[in-house]
């Protein structure tokens, strides 16, 4: 029987040393908290989803965690095209964005 493995995302920035906690909404984590820097190419306020293109042209999808500062519609949409650094937890079902910082 062949095993199937989903890719774990790594960035050039160092990851947090502590393992991530499991999230009920996102499922079991793959491991440690990670950081990715890139440009926001698309977002959906209603679904709380952000798509970021990394410097090596890979597009990543992030679900914004409920503990991230809530933005109003205009604020959220104004992030499109901006360079951000996202701290996230990879899970089996989604990359959960825990912190989003403009760069």
PDB file of N, CA and C in Angstrom:
ATOM      1  N   UNK A   1       0.845  -1.169   0.000  1.00  0.00           N
ATOM      2  CA  UNK A   1       0.000   0.000   0.000  1.00  0.00           C
ATOM      3  C   UNK A   1       0.892   1.234   0.000  1.00  0.00           C
ATOM      4  N   UNK A   2       0.643   2.169  -0.893  1.00  0.00           N
ATOM      5  CA  UNK A   2       1.443   3.384  -1.004  1.00  0.00           C
ATOM      6  C   UNK A   2       0.958   4.427  -0.012  1.00  0.00           C
ATOM      7  N   UNK A   3       1.899   5.143   0.552  1.00  0.00           N
ATOM      8  CA  UNK A   3       1.560   6.228   1.475  1.00  0.00           C
ATOM      9  C   UNK A   3       1.507   7.532   0.704  1.00  0.00           C
ATOM     10  N   UNK A   4       0.572   8.381   1.058  1.00  0.00           N
ATOM     11  CA  UNK A   4       0.438   9.693   0.426  1.00  0.00           C
ATOM     12  C   UNK A   4       0.762  10.743   1.469  1.00  0.00           C
ATOM     13  N   UNK A   5       1.660  11.649   1.108  1.00  0.00           N
ATOM     14  CA  UNK A   5       2.061  12.704   2.022  1.00  0.00           C
ATOM     15  C   UNK A   5       1.773  14.049   1.382  1.00  0.00           C
ATOM     16  N   UNK A   6       1.168  14.942   2.142  1.00  0.00           N
ATOM     17  CA  UNK A   6       0.945  16.314   1.674  1.00  0.00           C
ATOM     18  C   UNK A   6       2.209  17.100   1.928  1.00  0.00           C
ATOM     19  N   UNK A   7       2.569  18.032   1.051  1.00  0.00           N
ATOM     20  CA  UNK A   7       3.792  18.800   1.266  1.00  0.00           C
ATOM     21  C   UNK A   7       3.660  19.732   2.470  1.00  0.00           C
ATOM     22  N   UNK A   8       4.711  19.824   3.229  1.00  0.00           N
ATOM     23  CA  UNK A   8       4.768  20.780   4.328  1.00  0.00           C
ATOM     24  C   UNK A   8       5.437  22.030   3.794  1.00  0.00           C
ATOM     25  N   UNK A   9       4.882  23.181   4.094  1.00  0.00           N
ATOM     26  CA  UNK A   9       5.419  24.431   3.589  1.00  0.00           C
ATOM     27  C   UNK A   9       6.568  24.913   4.463  1.00  0.00           C
ATOM     28  N   UNK A  10       7.646  25.307   3.829  1.00  0.00           N
ATOM     29  CA  UNK A  10       8.770  25.887   4.539  1.00  0.00           C
ATOM     30  C   UNK A  10       9.111  27.204   3.880  1.00  0.00           C
ATOM     31  N   UNK A  11       9.601  28.137   4.650  1.00  0.00           N
ATOM     32  CA  UNK A  11      10.029  29.411   4.092  1.00  0.00           C
ATOM     33  C   UNK A  11      11.462  29.650   4.507  1.00  0.00           C
ATOM     34  N   UNK A  12      12.071  30.690   3.927  1.00  0.00           N
ATOM     35  CA  UNK A  12      13.445  31.002   4.281  1.00  0.00           C
ATOM     36  C   UNK A  12      13.536  31.569   5.690  1.00  0.00           C
ATOM     37  N   UNK A  13      12.433  32.096   6.199  1.00  0.00           N
ATOM     38  CA  UNK A  13      12.414  32.610   7.570  1.00  0.00           C
ATOM     39  C   UNK A  13      12.359  31.435   8.532  1.00  0.00           C
ATOM     40  N   UNK A  14      12.927  31.606   9.704  1.00  0.00           N
ATOM     41  CA  UNK A  14      12.946  30.498  10.653  1.00  0.00           C
ATOM     42  C   UNK A  14      11.566  30.286  11.259  1.00  0.00           C
ATOM     43  N   UNK A  15      11.243  29.038  11.492  1.00  0.00           N
ATOM     44  CA  UNK A  15       9.953  28.688  12.100  1.00  0.00           C
ATOM     45  C   UNK A  15      10.070  28.783  13.615  1.00  0.00           C
ATOM     46  N   UNK A  16       8.940  28.889  14.272  1.00  0.00           N
ATOM     47  CA  UNK A  16       8.914  28.912  15.727  1.00  0.00           C
ATOM     48  C   UNK A  16       9.367  27.556  16.251  1.00  0.00           C
ATOM     49  N   UNK A  17      10.103  27.503  17.348  1.00  0.00           N
ATOM     50  CA  UNK A  17      10.621  26.234  17.831  1.00  0.00           C
ATOM     51  C   UNK A  17       9.591  25.314  18.483  1.00  0.00           C
ATOM     52  N   UNK A  18       8.517  25.845  18.997  1.00  0.00           N
ATOM     53  CA  UNK A  18       7.538  25.024  19.715  1.00  0.00           C
ATOM     54  C   UNK A  18       6.547  24.409  18.749  1.00  0.00           C
ATOM     55  N   UNK A  19       6.117  23.161  18.994  1.00  0.00           N
ATOM     56  CA  UNK A  19       5.097  22.561  18.142  1.00  0.00           C
ATOM     57  C   UNK A  19       3.772  23.296  18.284  1.00  0.00           C
ATOM     58  N   UNK A  20       2.991  23.261  17.238  1.00  0.00           N
ATOM     59  CA  UNK A  20       1.703  23.955  17.229  1.00  0.00           C
ATOM     60  C   UNK A  20       0.653  23.117  17.942  1.00  0.00           C
ATOM     61  N   UNK A  21      -0.317  23.787  18.503  1.00  0.00           N
ATOM     62  CA  UNK A  21      -1.442  23.102  19.139  1.00  0.00           C
ATOM     63  C   UNK A  21      -2.431  22.665  18.064  1.00  0.00           C
ATOM     64  N   UNK A  22      -3.223  21.684  18.370  1.00  0.00           N
ATOM     65  CA  UNK A  22      -4.229  21.213  17.424  1.00  0.00           C
ATOM     66  C   UNK A  22      -5.408  22.178  17.427  1.00  0.00           C
ATOM     67  N   UNK A  23      -5.992  22.407  16.256  1.00  0.00           N
ATOM     68  CA  UNK A  23      -7.124  23.314  16.136  1.00  0.00           C
ATOM     69  C   UNK A  23      -8.345  22.508  15.718  1.00  0.00           C
ATOM     70  N   UNK A  24      -9.429  22.706  16.412  1.00  0.00           N
ATOM     71  CA  UNK A  24     -10.664  21.974  16.118  1.00  0.00           C
ATOM     72  C   UNK A  24     -11.153  22.280  14.709  1.00  0.00           C
ATOM     73  N   UNK A  25     -11.085  23.551  14.298  1.00  0.00           N
ATOM     74  CA  UNK A  25     -11.594  23.936  12.988  1.00  0.00           C
ATOM     75  C   UNK A  25     -10.675  23.469  11.869  1.00  0.00           C
ATOM     76  N   UNK A  26      -9.365  23.445  12.119  1.00  0.00           N
ATOM     77  CA  UNK A  26      -8.422  23.114  11.062  1.00  0.00           C
ATOM     78  C   UNK A  26      -7.980  21.665  11.077  1.00  0.00           C
ATOM     79  N   UNK A  27      -8.265  20.946  12.111  1.00  0.00           N
ATOM     80  CA  UNK A  27      -7.844  19.558  12.186  1.00  0.00           C
ATOM     81  C   UNK A  27      -6.496  19.421  12.859  1.00  0.00           C
ATOM     82  N   UNK A  28      -5.903  18.259  12.702  1.00  0.00           N
ATOM     83  CA  UNK A  28      -4.613  17.975  13.312  1.00  0.00           C
ATOM     84  C   UNK A  28      -3.516  18.730  12.584  1.00  0.00           C
ATOM     85  N   UNK A  29      -2.587  19.296  13.334  1.00  0.00           N
ATOM     86  CA  UNK A  29      -1.504  20.062  12.716  1.00  0.00           C
ATOM     87  C   UNK A  29      -0.463  19.138  12.124  1.00  0.00           C
ATOM     88  N   UNK A  30       0.281  19.644  11.135  1.00  0.00           N
ATOM     89  CA  UNK A  30       1.398  18.913  10.560  1.00  0.00           C
ATOM     90  C   UNK A  30       2.643  19.097  11.403  1.00  0.00           C
ATOM     91  N   UNK A  31       2.687  20.140  12.210  1.00  0.00           N
ATOM     92  CA  UNK A  31       3.911  20.360  12.977  1.00  0.00           C
ATOM     93  C   UNK A  31       3.987  21.743  13.562  1.00  0.00           C
ATOM     94  N   UNK A  32       5.077  22.392  13.279  1.00  0.00           N
ATOM     95  CA  UNK A  32       5.425  23.657  13.914  1.00  0.00           C
ATOM     96  C   UNK A  32       4.812  24.869  13.211  1.00  0.00           C
ATOM     97  N   UNK A  33       4.754  25.956  13.951  1.00  0.00           N
ATOM     98  CA  UNK A  33       4.323  27.227  13.386  1.00  0.00           C
ATOM     99  C   UNK A  33       5.357  27.648  12.350  1.00  0.00           C
ATOM    100  N   UNK A  34       4.888  28.166  11.220  1.00  0.00           N
ATOM    101  CA  UNK A  34       5.789  28.582  10.147  1.00  0.00           C
ATOM    102  C   UNK A  34       5.498  30.014   9.743  1.00  0.00           C
ATOM    103  N   UNK A  35       6.446  30.608   9.019  1.00  0.00           N
ATOM    104  CA  UNK A  35       6.303  31.986   8.550  1.00  0.00           C
ATOM    105  C   UNK A  35       6.585  32.025   7.054  1.00  0.00           C
ATOM    106  N   UNK A  36       5.768  32.789   6.339  1.00  0.00           N
ATOM    107  CA  UNK A  36       5.935  32.953   4.899  1.00  0.00           C
ATOM    108  C   UNK A  36       5.786  34.423   4.565  1.00  0.00           C
ATOM    109  N   UNK A  37       6.651  34.917   3.702  1.00  0.00           N
ATOM    110  CA  UNK A  37       6.535  36.293   3.236  1.00  0.00           C
ATOM    111  C   UNK A  37       6.176  36.253   1.757  1.00  0.00           C
ATOM    112  N   UNK A  38       5.241  37.105   1.353  1.00  0.00           N
ATOM    113  CA  UNK A  38       4.831  37.132  -0.037  1.00  0.00           C
ATOM    114  C   UNK A  38       3.844  38.257  -0.294  1.00  0.00           C
ATOM    115  N   UNK A  39       3.275  38.237  -1.486  1.00  0.00           N
ATOM    116  CA  UNK A  39       2.350  39.282  -1.922  1.00  0.00           C
ATOM    117  C   UNK A  39       0.939  38.721  -1.978  1.00  0.00           C
ATOM    118  N   UNK A  40      -0.014  39.455  -1.400  1.00  0.00           N
ATOM    119  CA  UNK A  40      -1.416  39.028  -1.448  1.00  0.00           C
ATOM    120  C   UNK A  40      -1.929  39.205  -2.871  1.00  0.00           C
ATOM    121  N   UNK A  41      -2.423  38.098  -3.447  1.00  0.00           N
ATOM    122  CA  UNK A  41      -2.930  38.176  -4.818  1.00  0.00           C
ATOM    123  C   UNK A  41      -4.445  38.073  -4.901  1.00  0.00           C
ATOM    124  N   UNK A  42      -5.065  37.550  -3.840  1.00  0.00           N
ATOM    125  CA  UNK A  42      -6.523  37.460  -3.824  1.00  0.00           C
ATOM    126  C   UNK A  42      -6.979  37.249  -2.389  1.00  0.00           C
ATOM    127  N   UNK A  43      -8.210  37.644  -2.085  1.00  0.00           N
ATOM    128  CA  UNK A  43      -8.768  37.427  -0.750  1.00  0.00           C
ATOM    129  C   UNK A  43     -10.275  37.414  -0.814  1.00  0.00           C
ATOM    130  N   UNK A  44     -10.863  36.778   0.187  1.00  0.00           N
ATOM    131  CA  UNK A  44     -12.316  36.647   0.276  1.00  0.00           C
ATOM    132  C   UNK A  44     -12.729  36.948   1.714  1.00  0.00           C
ATOM    133  N   UNK A  45     -13.351  38.090   1.917  1.00  0.00           N
ATOM    134  CA  UNK A  45     -13.738  38.536   3.258  1.00  0.00           C
ATOM    135  C   UNK A  45     -14.743  37.587   3.901  1.00  0.00           C
ATOM    136  N   UNK A  46     -15.731  37.146   3.142  1.00  0.00           N
ATOM    137  CA  UNK A  46     -16.774  36.290   3.723  1.00  0.00           C
ATOM    138  C   UNK A  46     -16.224  34.942   4.184  1.00  0.00           C
ATOM    139  N   UNK A  47     -15.311  34.377   3.415  1.00  0.00           N
ATOM    140  CA  UNK A  47     -14.737  33.076   3.771  1.00  0.00           C
ATOM    141  C   UNK A  47     -13.480  33.217   4.633  1.00  0.00           C
ATOM    142  N   UNK A  48     -12.997  34.450   4.821  1.00  0.00           N
ATOM    143  CA  UNK A  48     -11.762  34.733   5.568  1.00  0.00           C
ATOM    144  C   UNK A  48     -10.588  33.949   5.000  1.00  0.00           C
ATOM    145  N   UNK A  49     -10.417  34.070   3.684  1.00  0.00           N
ATOM    146  CA  UNK A  49      -9.360  33.360   2.974  1.00  0.00           C
ATOM    147  C   UNK A  49      -8.451  34.368   2.285  1.00  0.00           C
ATOM    148  N   UNK A  50      -7.139  34.121   2.357  1.00  0.00           N
ATOM    149  CA  UNK A  50      -6.147  34.970   1.704  1.00  0.00           C
ATOM    150  C   UNK A  50      -5.257  34.075   0.852  1.00  0.00           C
ATOM    151  N   UNK A  51      -4.962  34.513  -0.375  1.00  0.00           N
ATOM    152  CA  UNK A  51      -4.027  33.816  -1.249  1.00  0.00           C
ATOM    153  C   UNK A  51      -2.769  34.673  -1.362  1.00  0.00           C
ATOM    154  N   UNK A  52      -1.620  34.069  -1.088  1.00  0.00           N
ATOM    155  CA  UNK A  52      -0.347  34.792  -1.095  1.00  0.00           C
ATOM    156  C   UNK A  52       0.604  34.102  -2.061  1.00  0.00           C
ATOM    157  N   UNK A  53       1.282  34.910  -2.899  1.00  0.00           N
ATOM    158  CA  UNK A  53       2.293  34.368  -3.807  1.00  0.00           C
ATOM    159  C   UNK A  53       3.655  34.622  -3.189  1.00  0.00           C
ATOM    160  N   UNK A  54       4.415  33.555  -3.008  1.00  0.00           N
ATOM    161  CA  UNK A  54       5.744  33.648  -2.403  1.00  0.00           C
ATOM    162  C   UNK A  54       6.747  34.176  -3.437  1.00  0.00           C
ATOM    163  N   UNK A  55       7.945  34.566  -2.994  1.00  0.00           N
ATOM    164  CA  UNK A  55       8.965  35.053  -3.925  1.00  0.00           C
ATOM    165  C   UNK A  55       9.350  34.019  -4.998  1.00  0.00           C
ATOM    166  N   UNK A  56       9.152  32.732  -4.718  1.00  0.00           N
ATOM    167  CA  UNK A  56       9.457  31.706  -5.718  1.00  0.00           C
ATOM    168  C   UNK A  56       8.230  31.322  -6.553  1.00  0.00           C
ATOM    169  N   UNK A  57       7.224  32.208  -6.593  1.00  0.00           N
ATOM    170  CA  UNK A  57       6.012  32.082  -7.416  1.00  0.00           C
ATOM    171  C   UNK A  57       5.109  30.911  -7.065  1.00  0.00           C
ATOM    172  N   UNK A  58       5.112  30.491  -5.820  1.00  0.00           N
ATOM    173  CA  UNK A  58       4.181  29.466  -5.350  1.00  0.00           C
ATOM    174  C   UNK A  58       3.028  30.184  -4.653  1.00  0.00           C
ATOM    175  N   UNK A  59       1.786  29.814  -4.986  1.00  0.00           N
ATOM    176  CA  UNK A  59       0.612  30.433  -4.369  1.00  0.00           C
ATOM    177  C   UNK A  59       0.154  29.576  -3.193  1.00  0.00           C
ATOM    178  N   UNK A  60      -0.045  30.224  -2.049  1.00  0.00           N
ATOM    179  CA  UNK A  60      -0.487  29.562  -0.828  1.00  0.00           C
ATOM    180  C   UNK A  60      -1.849  30.113  -0.421  1.00  0.00           C
ATOM    181  N   UNK A  61      -2.694  29.248   0.094  1.00  0.00           N
ATOM    182  CA  UNK A  61      -4.023  29.640   0.578  1.00  0.00           C
ATOM    183  C   UNK A  61      -4.007  29.596   2.101  1.00  0.00           C
ATOM    184  N   UNK A  62      -4.490  30.663   2.734  1.00  0.00           N
ATOM    185  CA  UNK A  62      -4.552  30.755   4.185  1.00  0.00           C
ATOM    186  C   UNK A  62      -5.969  31.054   4.631  1.00  0.00           C
ATOM    187  N   UNK A  63      -6.404  30.380   5.679  1.00  0.00           N
ATOM    188  CA  UNK A  63      -7.663  30.695   6.337  1.00  0.00           C
ATOM    189  C   UNK A  63      -7.296  31.539   7.543  1.00  0.00           C
ATOM    190  N   UNK A  64      -7.921  32.695   7.678  1.00  0.00           N
ATOM    191  CA  UNK A  64      -7.593  33.618   8.768  1.00  0.00           C
ATOM    192  C   UNK A  64      -8.250  33.127  10.052  1.00  0.00           C
ATOM    193  N   UNK A  65      -7.440  32.912  11.088  1.00  0.00           N
ATOM    194  CA  UNK A  65      -7.940  32.427  12.375  1.00  0.00           C
ATOM    195  C   UNK A  65      -8.841  33.463  13.017  1.00  0.00           C
ATOM    196  N   UNK A  66      -9.754  33.007  13.845  1.00  0.00           N
ATOM    197  CA  UNK A  66     -10.713  33.904  14.481  1.00  0.00           C
ATOM    198  C   UNK A  66     -10.055  34.866  15.465  1.00  0.00           C
ATOM    199  N   UNK A  67      -8.839  34.552  15.942  1.00  0.00           N
ATOM    200  CA  UNK A  67      -8.182  35.445  16.899  1.00  0.00           C
ATOM    201  C   UNK A  67      -7.393  36.557  16.225  1.00  0.00           C
ATOM    202  N   UNK A  68      -7.310  36.557  14.891  1.00  0.00           N
ATOM    203  CA  UNK A  68      -6.638  37.634  14.170  1.00  0.00           C
ATOM    204  C   UNK A  68      -7.555  38.848  14.182  1.00  0.00           C
ATOM    205  N   UNK A  69      -6.959  40.041  14.365  1.00  0.00           N
ATOM    206  CA  UNK A  69      -7.745  41.279  14.437  1.00  0.00           C
ATOM    207  C   UNK A  69      -8.766  41.327  13.297  1.00  0.00           C
ATOM    208  N   UNK A  70      -9.993  41.557  13.662  1.00  0.00           N
ATOM    209  CA  UNK A  70     -11.066  41.614  12.677  1.00  0.00           C
ATOM    210  C   UNK A  70     -10.982  42.920  11.892  1.00  0.00           C
ATOM    211  N   UNK A  71     -11.021  42.820  10.592  1.00  0.00           N
ATOM    212  CA  UNK A  71     -10.954  43.986   9.728  1.00  0.00           C
ATOM    213  C   UNK A  71     -12.312  44.247   9.107  1.00  0.00           C
ATOM    214  N   UNK A  72     -12.595  45.508   8.887  1.00  0.00           N
ATOM    215  CA  UNK A  72     -13.821  45.874   8.181  1.00  0.00           C
ATOM    216  C   UNK A  72     -13.605  45.600   6.697  1.00  0.00           C
ATOM    217  N   UNK A  73     -14.683  45.568   5.940  1.00  0.00           N
ATOM    218  CA  UNK A  73     -14.613  45.224   4.521  1.00  0.00           C
ATOM    219  C   UNK A  73     -13.564  46.036   3.770  1.00  0.00           C
ATOM    220  N   UNK A  74     -13.563  47.315   3.880  1.00  0.00           N
ATOM    221  CA  UNK A  74     -12.605  48.160   3.164  1.00  0.00           C
ATOM    222  C   UNK A  74     -11.160  47.915   3.575  1.00  0.00           C
ATOM    223  N   UNK A  75     -10.936  47.683   4.867  1.00  0.00           N
ATOM    224  CA  UNK A  75      -9.579  47.421   5.361  1.00  0.00           C
ATOM    225  C   UNK A  75      -9.042  46.101   4.813  1.00  0.00           C
ATOM    226  N   UNK A  76      -9.858  45.075   4.834  1.00  0.00           N
ATOM    227  CA  UNK A  76      -9.445  43.758   4.371  1.00  0.00           C
ATOM    228  C   UNK A  76      -9.098  43.801   2.888  1.00  0.00           C
ATOM    229  N   UNK A  77      -9.968  44.420   2.107  1.00  0.00           N
ATOM    230  CA  UNK A  77      -9.754  44.492   0.667  1.00  0.00           C
ATOM    231  C   UNK A  77      -8.572  45.375   0.301  1.00  0.00           C
ATOM    232  N   UNK A  78      -8.217  46.341   1.157  1.00  0.00           N
ATOM    233  CA  UNK A  78      -7.075  47.210   0.872  1.00  0.00           C
ATOM    234  C   UNK A  78      -5.747  46.465   0.984  1.00  0.00           C
ATOM    235  N   UNK A  79      -5.761  45.250   1.523  1.00  0.00           N
ATOM    236  CA  UNK A  79      -4.545  44.446   1.627  1.00  0.00           C
ATOM    237  C   UNK A  79      -4.134  43.834   0.286  1.00  0.00           C
ATOM    238  N   UNK A  80      -5.038  43.770  -0.677  1.00  0.00           N
ATOM    239  CA  UNK A  80      -4.740  43.167  -1.978  1.00  0.00           C
ATOM    240  C   UNK A  80      -3.525  43.838  -2.606  1.00  0.00           C
ATOM    241  N   UNK A  81      -2.583  43.030  -3.047  1.00  0.00           N
ATOM    242  CA  UNK A  81      -1.377  43.544  -3.691  1.00  0.00           C
ATOM    243  C   UNK A  81      -0.266  43.932  -2.730  1.00  0.00           C
ATOM    244  N   UNK A  82      -0.522  43.898  -1.438  1.00  0.00           N
ATOM    245  CA  UNK A  82       0.478  44.276  -0.435  1.00  0.00           C
ATOM    246  C   UNK A  82       1.394  43.094  -0.118  1.00  0.00           C
ATOM    247  N   UNK A  83       2.622  43.412   0.287  1.00  0.00           N
ATOM    248  CA  UNK A  83       3.552  42.386   0.743  1.00  0.00           C
ATOM    249  C   UNK A  83       3.320  42.177   2.228  1.00  0.00           C
ATOM    250  N   UNK A  84       3.178  40.912   2.622  1.00  0.00           N
ATOM    251  CA  UNK A  84       2.885  40.572   4.008  1.00  0.00           C
ATOM    252  C   UNK A  84       3.795  39.445   4.481  1.00  0.00           C
ATOM    253  N   UNK A  85       3.884  39.344   5.795  1.00  0.00           N
ATOM    254  CA  UNK A  85       4.512  38.186   6.421  1.00  0.00           C
ATOM    255  C   UNK A  85       3.416  37.509   7.225  1.00  0.00           C
ATOM    256  N   UNK A  86       3.188  36.229   6.947  1.00  0.00           N
ATOM    257  CA  UNK A  86       2.120  35.488   7.602  1.00  0.00           C
ATOM    258  C   UNK A  86       2.722  34.395   8.469  1.00  0.00           C
ATOM    259  N   UNK A  87       2.325  34.388   9.733  1.00  0.00           N
ATOM    260  CA  UNK A  87       2.676  33.309  10.639  1.00  0.00           C
ATOM    261  C   UNK A  87       1.479  32.379  10.654  1.00  0.00           C
ATOM    262  N   UNK A  88       1.728  31.104  10.354  1.00  0.00           N
ATOM    263  CA  UNK A  88       0.610  30.183  10.182  1.00  0.00           C
ATOM    264  C   UNK A  88       0.931  28.802  10.737  1.00  0.00           C
ATOM    265  N   UNK A  89      -0.138  28.032  10.880  1.00  0.00           N
ATOM    266  CA  UNK A  89      -0.028  26.652  11.320  1.00  0.00           C
ATOM    267  C   UNK A  89      -0.571  25.769  10.196  1.00  0.00           C
ATOM    268  N   UNK A  90       0.273  24.919   9.623  1.00  0.00           N
ATOM    269  CA  UNK A  90      -0.240  24.005   8.597  1.00  0.00           C
ATOM    270  C   UNK A  90      -1.040  22.881   9.251  1.00  0.00           C
ATOM    271  N   UNK A  91      -2.235  22.634   8.752  1.00  0.00           N
ATOM    272  CA  UNK A  91      -3.061  21.531   9.239  1.00  0.00           C
ATOM    273  C   UNK A  91      -3.406  20.650   8.051  1.00  0.00           C
ATOM    274  N   UNK A  92      -4.100  19.580   8.307  1.00  0.00           N
ATOM    275  CA  UNK A  92      -4.462  18.664   7.217  1.00  0.00           C
ATOM    276  C   UNK A  92      -5.463  19.292   6.248  1.00  0.00           C
ATOM    277  N   UNK A  93      -6.252  20.242   6.716  1.00  0.00           N
ATOM    278  CA  UNK A  93      -7.289  20.818   5.864  1.00  0.00           C
ATOM    279  C   UNK A  93      -7.020  22.248   5.412  1.00  0.00           C
ATOM    280  N   UNK A  94      -6.122  22.963   6.083  1.00  0.00           N
ATOM    281  CA  UNK A  94      -5.870  24.357   5.720  1.00  0.00           C
ATOM    282  C   UNK A  94      -4.611  24.876   6.398  1.00  0.00           C
ATOM    283  N   UNK A  95      -4.087  25.980   5.866  1.00  0.00           N
ATOM    284  CA  UNK A  95      -3.036  26.736   6.541  1.00  0.00           C
ATOM    285  C   UNK A  95      -3.750  27.815   7.340  1.00  0.00           C
ATOM    286  N   UNK A  96      -3.646  27.761   8.667  1.00  0.00           N
ATOM    287  CA  UNK A  96      -4.374  28.696   9.532  1.00  0.00           C
ATOM    288  C   UNK A  96      -3.469  29.890   9.838  1.00  0.00           C
ATOM    289  N   UNK A  97      -3.824  31.076   9.310  1.00  0.00           N
ATOM    290  CA  UNK A  97      -3.049  32.293   9.546  1.00  0.00           C
ATOM    291  C   UNK A  97      -3.298  32.803  10.953  1.00  0.00           C
ATOM    292  N   UNK A  98      -2.257  32.854  11.758  1.00  0.00           N
ATOM    293  CA  UNK A  98      -2.348  33.327  13.129  1.00  0.00           C
ATOM    294  C   UNK A  98      -1.966  34.796  13.273  1.00  0.00           C
ATOM    295  N   UNK A  99      -1.123  35.272  12.362  1.00  0.00           N
ATOM    296  CA  UNK A  99      -0.641  36.657  12.447  1.00  0.00           C
ATOM    297  C   UNK A  99      -0.319  37.114  11.021  1.00  0.00           C
ATOM    298  N   UNK A 100      -0.772  38.324  10.672  1.00  0.00           N
ATOM    299  CA  UNK A 100      -0.523  38.887   9.358  1.00  0.00           C
ATOM    300  C   UNK A 100       0.068  40.271   9.557  1.00  0.00           C
ATOM    301  N   UNK A 101       1.266  40.481   9.022  1.00  0.00           N
ATOM    302  CA  UNK A 101       1.934  41.768   9.172  1.00  0.00           C
ATOM    303  C   UNK A 101       2.270  42.338   7.796  1.00  0.00           C
ATOM    304  N   UNK A 102       1.976  43.627   7.620  1.00  0.00           N
ATOM    305  CA  UNK A 102       2.377  44.302   6.375  1.00  0.00           C
ATOM    306  C   UNK A 102       3.876  44.527   6.391  1.00  0.00           C
ATOM    307  N   UNK A 103       4.500  44.384   5.244  1.00  0.00           N
ATOM    308  CA  UNK A 103       5.956  44.591   5.112  1.00  0.00           C
ATOM    309  C   UNK A 103       6.242  45.726   4.179  1.00  0.00           C
TER     310      UNK A 103
END
